[in-house]
Amino acid sequence: MTPNGVVACDIPDGLFLTQIPTSPKVYDIAIDVPWFPAHPTFGIGGPRGHGGSKQLEGSITYGGANCQVGFNNSLTCTSMGHSFTAWTPYLTVS
């Protein structure tokens, strides 16, 4: 999360986009501009993580972005009027 509301997530094992029937695995997802929905950035292994970071528990809000852990450890992040939800083995974006 950045002060201007950019939010992104590395997905080490990858998830399948539910909107695409034969989706490749996505390893990095971002909301970084208000005019485009959440989208994969196709960074294998993800460029956004920090080694040794703690896994999010509960919720966090920063710079207008909000991420929260929900049912069965799903992760939902919203910012700039868009969102993504990650739950093994799927990823939904809007």
N, C-alpha and C. Protein backbone atom coordinates (compact mmCIF):
# COMPACT_ATOMS: atom_id res chain seq x y z
N MET A 1 0.84 -1.17 0.00
CA MET A 1 0.00 0.00 0.00
C MET A 1 0.89 1.24 0.00
N THR A 2 0.47 2.20 -0.78
CA THR A 2 1.22 3.44 -0.82
C THR A 2 0.33 4.60 -0.39
N PRO A 3 0.91 5.76 -0.06
CA PRO A 3 0.11 6.89 0.39
C PRO A 3 -0.94 7.37 -0.63
N ASN A 4 -0.72 7.08 -1.92
CA ASN A 4 -1.68 7.52 -2.93
C ASN A 4 -2.72 6.45 -3.27
N GLY A 5 -2.83 5.40 -2.48
CA GLY A 5 -3.88 4.40 -2.65
C GLY A 5 -3.55 3.22 -3.53
N VAL A 6 -2.33 3.13 -4.03
CA VAL A 6 -1.93 1.96 -4.81
C VAL A 6 -1.83 0.78 -3.85
N VAL A 7 -2.43 -0.33 -4.26
CA VAL A 7 -2.36 -1.54 -3.44
C VAL A 7 -2.04 -2.71 -4.36
N ALA A 8 -1.18 -3.59 -3.91
CA ALA A 8 -0.79 -4.74 -4.72
C ALA A 8 -0.45 -5.91 -3.80
N CYS A 9 -0.43 -7.09 -4.39
CA CYS A 9 -0.20 -8.28 -3.60
C CYS A 9 0.59 -9.30 -4.41
N ASP A 10 1.62 -9.84 -3.80
CA ASP A 10 2.33 -10.97 -4.39
C ASP A 10 1.57 -12.23 -4.02
N ILE A 11 1.53 -13.18 -4.94
CA ILE A 11 0.84 -14.44 -4.71
C ILE A 11 1.86 -15.55 -5.01
N PRO A 12 2.65 -15.94 -4.03
CA PRO A 12 3.78 -16.85 -4.28
C PRO A 12 3.43 -18.13 -5.03
N ASP A 13 2.31 -18.78 -4.71
CA ASP A 13 1.95 -20.02 -5.39
C ASP A 13 1.07 -19.79 -6.61
N GLY A 14 0.65 -18.56 -6.83
CA GLY A 14 -0.20 -18.22 -7.96
C GLY A 14 -1.65 -18.64 -7.76
N LEU A 15 -2.56 -17.89 -8.39
CA LEU A 15 -4.00 -18.18 -8.35
C LEU A 15 -4.55 -18.04 -9.76
N PHE A 16 -5.69 -18.68 -10.02
CA PHE A 16 -6.33 -18.61 -11.33
C PHE A 16 -7.39 -17.52 -11.33
N LEU A 17 -7.41 -16.66 -12.37
CA LEU A 17 -8.46 -15.65 -12.50
C LEU A 17 -9.76 -16.35 -12.82
N THR A 18 -10.79 -16.11 -12.02
CA THR A 18 -12.07 -16.80 -12.23
C THR A 18 -12.80 -16.30 -13.47
N GLN A 19 -12.49 -15.10 -13.95
CA GLN A 19 -13.18 -14.54 -15.11
C GLN A 19 -12.68 -15.09 -16.44
N ILE A 20 -11.56 -15.79 -16.43
CA ILE A 20 -10.98 -16.32 -17.67
C ILE A 20 -10.95 -17.84 -17.57
N PRO A 21 -11.75 -18.54 -18.41
CA PRO A 21 -11.88 -20.01 -18.28
C PRO A 21 -10.56 -20.78 -18.31
N THR A 22 -9.63 -20.40 -19.15
CA THR A 22 -8.36 -21.13 -19.23
C THR A 22 -7.22 -20.22 -18.78
N SER A 23 -7.42 -19.61 -17.65
CA SER A 23 -6.49 -18.61 -17.13
C SER A 23 -5.14 -19.21 -16.74
N PRO A 24 -4.07 -18.48 -17.08
CA PRO A 24 -2.77 -18.86 -16.52
C PRO A 24 -2.76 -18.42 -15.05
N LYS A 25 -1.82 -18.94 -14.30
CA LYS A 25 -1.72 -18.52 -12.91
C LYS A 25 -1.22 -17.07 -12.85
N VAL A 26 -1.75 -16.34 -11.89
CA VAL A 26 -1.37 -14.95 -11.65
C VAL A 26 -0.53 -14.92 -10.38
N TYR A 27 0.61 -14.24 -10.43
CA TYR A 27 1.52 -14.21 -9.29
C TYR A 27 1.64 -12.82 -8.65
N ASP A 28 1.01 -11.82 -9.26
CA ASP A 28 1.07 -10.47 -8.73
C ASP A 28 -0.16 -9.72 -9.23
N ILE A 29 -0.87 -9.05 -8.33
CA ILE A 29 -2.10 -8.32 -8.68
C ILE A 29 -1.98 -6.90 -8.13
N ALA A 30 -2.53 -5.92 -8.88
CA ALA A 30 -2.41 -4.54 -8.43
C ALA A 30 -3.64 -3.71 -8.77
N ILE A 31 -3.90 -2.72 -7.95
CA ILE A 31 -4.82 -1.63 -8.26
C ILE A 31 -3.93 -0.40 -8.19
N ASP A 32 -3.61 0.16 -9.37
CA ASP A 32 -2.66 1.27 -9.37
C ASP A 32 -3.10 2.49 -10.15
N VAL A 33 -4.26 2.42 -10.83
CA VAL A 33 -4.82 3.58 -11.52
C VAL A 33 -6.34 3.54 -11.39
N PRO A 34 -6.99 4.69 -11.22
CA PRO A 34 -8.44 4.69 -11.01
C PRO A 34 -9.25 4.32 -12.24
N TRP A 35 -8.69 4.42 -13.43
CA TRP A 35 -9.44 4.18 -14.65
C TRP A 35 -9.34 2.73 -15.16
N PHE A 36 -8.68 1.86 -14.41
CA PHE A 36 -8.51 0.46 -14.85
C PHE A 36 -8.74 -0.46 -13.66
N PRO A 37 -9.50 -1.54 -13.85
CA PRO A 37 -9.74 -2.45 -12.71
C PRO A 37 -8.47 -3.12 -12.20
N ALA A 38 -8.61 -3.80 -11.09
CA ALA A 38 -7.50 -4.59 -10.56
C ALA A 38 -7.00 -5.50 -11.66
N HIS A 39 -5.68 -5.67 -11.76
CA HIS A 39 -5.12 -6.43 -12.88
C HIS A 39 -3.82 -7.11 -12.47
N PRO A 40 -3.55 -8.24 -13.14
CA PRO A 40 -2.26 -8.90 -12.92
C PRO A 40 -1.15 -8.05 -13.52
N THR A 41 -0.01 -8.07 -12.89
CA THR A 41 1.14 -7.37 -13.46
C THR A 41 2.15 -8.37 -14.00
N PHE A 42 1.84 -9.64 -13.88
CA PHE A 42 2.64 -10.73 -14.44
C PHE A 42 4.09 -10.72 -14.00
N GLY A 43 4.32 -10.32 -12.75
CA GLY A 43 5.66 -10.41 -12.19
C GLY A 43 5.82 -11.78 -11.54
N ILE A 44 6.47 -12.71 -12.20
CA ILE A 44 6.65 -14.04 -11.64
C ILE A 44 7.38 -13.91 -10.30
N GLY A 45 6.76 -14.40 -9.26
CA GLY A 45 7.32 -14.27 -7.93
C GLY A 45 6.95 -12.96 -7.27
N GLY A 46 6.54 -11.98 -8.06
CA GLY A 46 6.06 -10.71 -7.54
C GLY A 46 7.14 -9.73 -7.12
N PRO A 47 7.08 -8.50 -7.64
CA PRO A 47 8.07 -7.49 -7.28
C PRO A 47 7.69 -6.67 -6.06
N ARG A 48 6.54 -6.94 -5.45
CA ARG A 48 6.01 -6.03 -4.43
C ARG A 48 6.29 -6.46 -3.00
N GLY A 49 6.58 -7.71 -2.78
CA GLY A 49 6.74 -8.20 -1.42
C GLY A 49 8.05 -7.80 -0.79
N HIS A 50 8.08 -7.94 0.50
CA HIS A 50 9.29 -7.69 1.27
C HIS A 50 9.60 -8.96 2.04
N GLY A 51 10.78 -9.49 1.85
CA GLY A 51 11.18 -10.72 2.52
C GLY A 51 10.96 -10.65 4.01
N GLY A 52 10.38 -11.68 4.58
CA GLY A 52 10.16 -11.75 6.01
C GLY A 52 8.92 -11.01 6.49
N SER A 53 8.12 -10.47 5.57
CA SER A 53 6.91 -9.75 5.97
C SER A 53 5.93 -10.68 6.66
N LYS A 54 5.23 -10.14 7.66
CA LYS A 54 4.19 -10.91 8.34
C LYS A 54 2.96 -11.01 7.44
N GLN A 55 2.27 -12.12 7.51
CA GLN A 55 1.01 -12.28 6.80
C GLN A 55 -0.04 -11.40 7.47
N LEU A 56 -0.87 -10.75 6.66
CA LEU A 56 -1.91 -9.88 7.20
C LEU A 56 -2.92 -10.68 8.00
N GLU A 57 -3.23 -10.18 9.17
CA GLU A 57 -4.29 -10.74 10.00
C GLU A 57 -5.24 -9.61 10.33
N GLY A 58 -6.53 -9.78 10.10
CA GLY A 58 -7.49 -8.72 10.36
C GLY A 58 -7.60 -7.80 9.16
N SER A 59 -7.39 -6.49 9.38
CA SER A 59 -7.50 -5.55 8.26
C SER A 59 -6.51 -4.41 8.43
N ILE A 60 -6.26 -3.71 7.32
CA ILE A 60 -5.38 -2.56 7.33
C ILE A 60 -5.93 -1.56 6.32
N THR A 61 -5.88 -0.28 6.66
CA THR A 61 -6.30 0.79 5.78
C THR A 61 -5.17 1.81 5.72
N TYR A 62 -4.83 2.23 4.49
CA TYR A 62 -3.76 3.20 4.32
C TYR A 62 -3.90 3.86 2.96
N GLY A 63 -3.80 5.16 2.92
CA GLY A 63 -3.82 5.90 1.66
C GLY A 63 -5.11 5.72 0.86
N GLY A 64 -6.20 5.40 1.53
CA GLY A 64 -7.46 5.18 0.82
C GLY A 64 -7.67 3.75 0.38
N ALA A 65 -6.69 2.90 0.58
CA ALA A 65 -6.82 1.47 0.25
C ALA A 65 -7.15 0.70 1.53
N ASN A 66 -7.88 -0.39 1.36
CA ASN A 66 -8.24 -1.23 2.50
C ASN A 66 -8.06 -2.69 2.12
N CYS A 67 -7.42 -3.46 2.97
CA CYS A 67 -7.29 -4.90 2.77
C CYS A 67 -7.74 -5.59 4.05
N GLN A 68 -8.46 -6.70 3.87
CA GLN A 68 -8.89 -7.45 5.05
C GLN A 68 -8.91 -8.94 4.76
N VAL A 69 -8.61 -9.69 5.80
CA VAL A 69 -8.66 -11.14 5.72
C VAL A 69 -10.06 -11.56 6.15
N GLY A 70 -10.67 -12.45 5.38
CA GLY A 70 -12.02 -12.88 5.68
C GLY A 70 -12.14 -14.39 5.82
N PHE A 71 -13.31 -14.90 5.48
CA PHE A 71 -13.65 -16.31 5.60
C PHE A 71 -12.63 -17.19 4.90
N ASN A 72 -12.19 -18.24 5.57
CA ASN A 72 -11.20 -19.19 5.04
C ASN A 72 -9.93 -18.52 4.54
N ASN A 73 -9.50 -17.46 5.23
CA ASN A 73 -8.28 -16.74 4.89
C ASN A 73 -8.31 -16.08 3.51
N SER A 74 -9.51 -15.74 3.02
CA SER A 74 -9.59 -14.98 1.78
C SER A 74 -9.04 -13.58 2.06
N LEU A 75 -8.50 -12.94 1.04
CA LEU A 75 -7.97 -11.59 1.15
C LEU A 75 -8.71 -10.71 0.16
N THR A 76 -9.33 -9.64 0.65
CA THR A 76 -10.01 -8.68 -0.22
C THR A 76 -9.37 -7.32 -0.03
N CYS A 77 -8.99 -6.69 -1.15
CA CYS A 77 -8.43 -5.36 -1.12
C CYS A 77 -9.26 -4.46 -2.03
N THR A 78 -9.53 -3.24 -1.56
CA THR A 78 -10.28 -2.27 -2.35
C THR A 78 -9.52 -0.95 -2.37
N SER A 79 -9.59 -0.27 -3.51
CA SER A 79 -9.00 1.05 -3.65
C SER A 79 -9.43 1.62 -4.99
N MET A 80 -9.51 2.93 -5.09
CA MET A 80 -9.79 3.62 -6.34
C MET A 80 -11.06 3.12 -7.02
N GLY A 81 -12.01 2.61 -6.25
CA GLY A 81 -13.26 2.11 -6.82
C GLY A 81 -13.18 0.71 -7.39
N HIS A 82 -12.09 0.01 -7.15
CA HIS A 82 -11.88 -1.35 -7.67
C HIS A 82 -11.51 -2.28 -6.52
N SER A 83 -11.52 -3.58 -6.82
CA SER A 83 -11.17 -4.55 -5.77
C SER A 83 -10.62 -5.83 -6.37
N PHE A 84 -9.98 -6.61 -5.51
CA PHE A 84 -9.63 -7.98 -5.85
C PHE A 84 -9.82 -8.83 -4.61
N THR A 85 -10.20 -10.08 -4.84
CA THR A 85 -10.35 -11.05 -3.76
C THR A 85 -9.57 -12.29 -4.13
N ALA A 86 -8.73 -12.73 -3.24
CA ALA A 86 -7.92 -13.92 -3.45
C ALA A 86 -8.34 -14.98 -2.44
N TRP A 87 -8.68 -16.14 -2.94
CA TRP A 87 -8.96 -17.29 -2.09
C TRP A 87 -8.54 -18.51 -2.86
N THR A 88 -7.79 -19.37 -2.24
CA THR A 88 -7.18 -20.51 -2.92
C THR A 88 -8.23 -21.41 -3.56
N PRO A 89 -8.09 -21.74 -4.83
CA PRO A 89 -7.03 -21.38 -5.78
C PRO A 89 -7.44 -20.28 -6.75
N TYR A 90 -8.37 -19.39 -6.37
CA TYR A 90 -8.92 -18.42 -7.31
C TYR A 90 -8.68 -16.97 -6.93
N LEU A 91 -8.80 -16.11 -7.95
CA LEU A 91 -8.65 -14.67 -7.81
C LEU A 91 -9.75 -14.00 -8.60
N THR A 92 -10.49 -13.09 -7.98
CA THR A 92 -11.56 -12.35 -8.64
C THR A 92 -11.18 -10.88 -8.62
N VAL A 93 -11.36 -10.19 -9.76
CA VAL A 93 -11.03 -8.77 -9.83
C VAL A 93 -12.23 -7.98 -10.33
N SER A 94 -12.30 -6.72 -9.92
CA SER A 94 -13.34 -5.82 -10.44
C SER A 94 -12.85 -4.38 -10.38
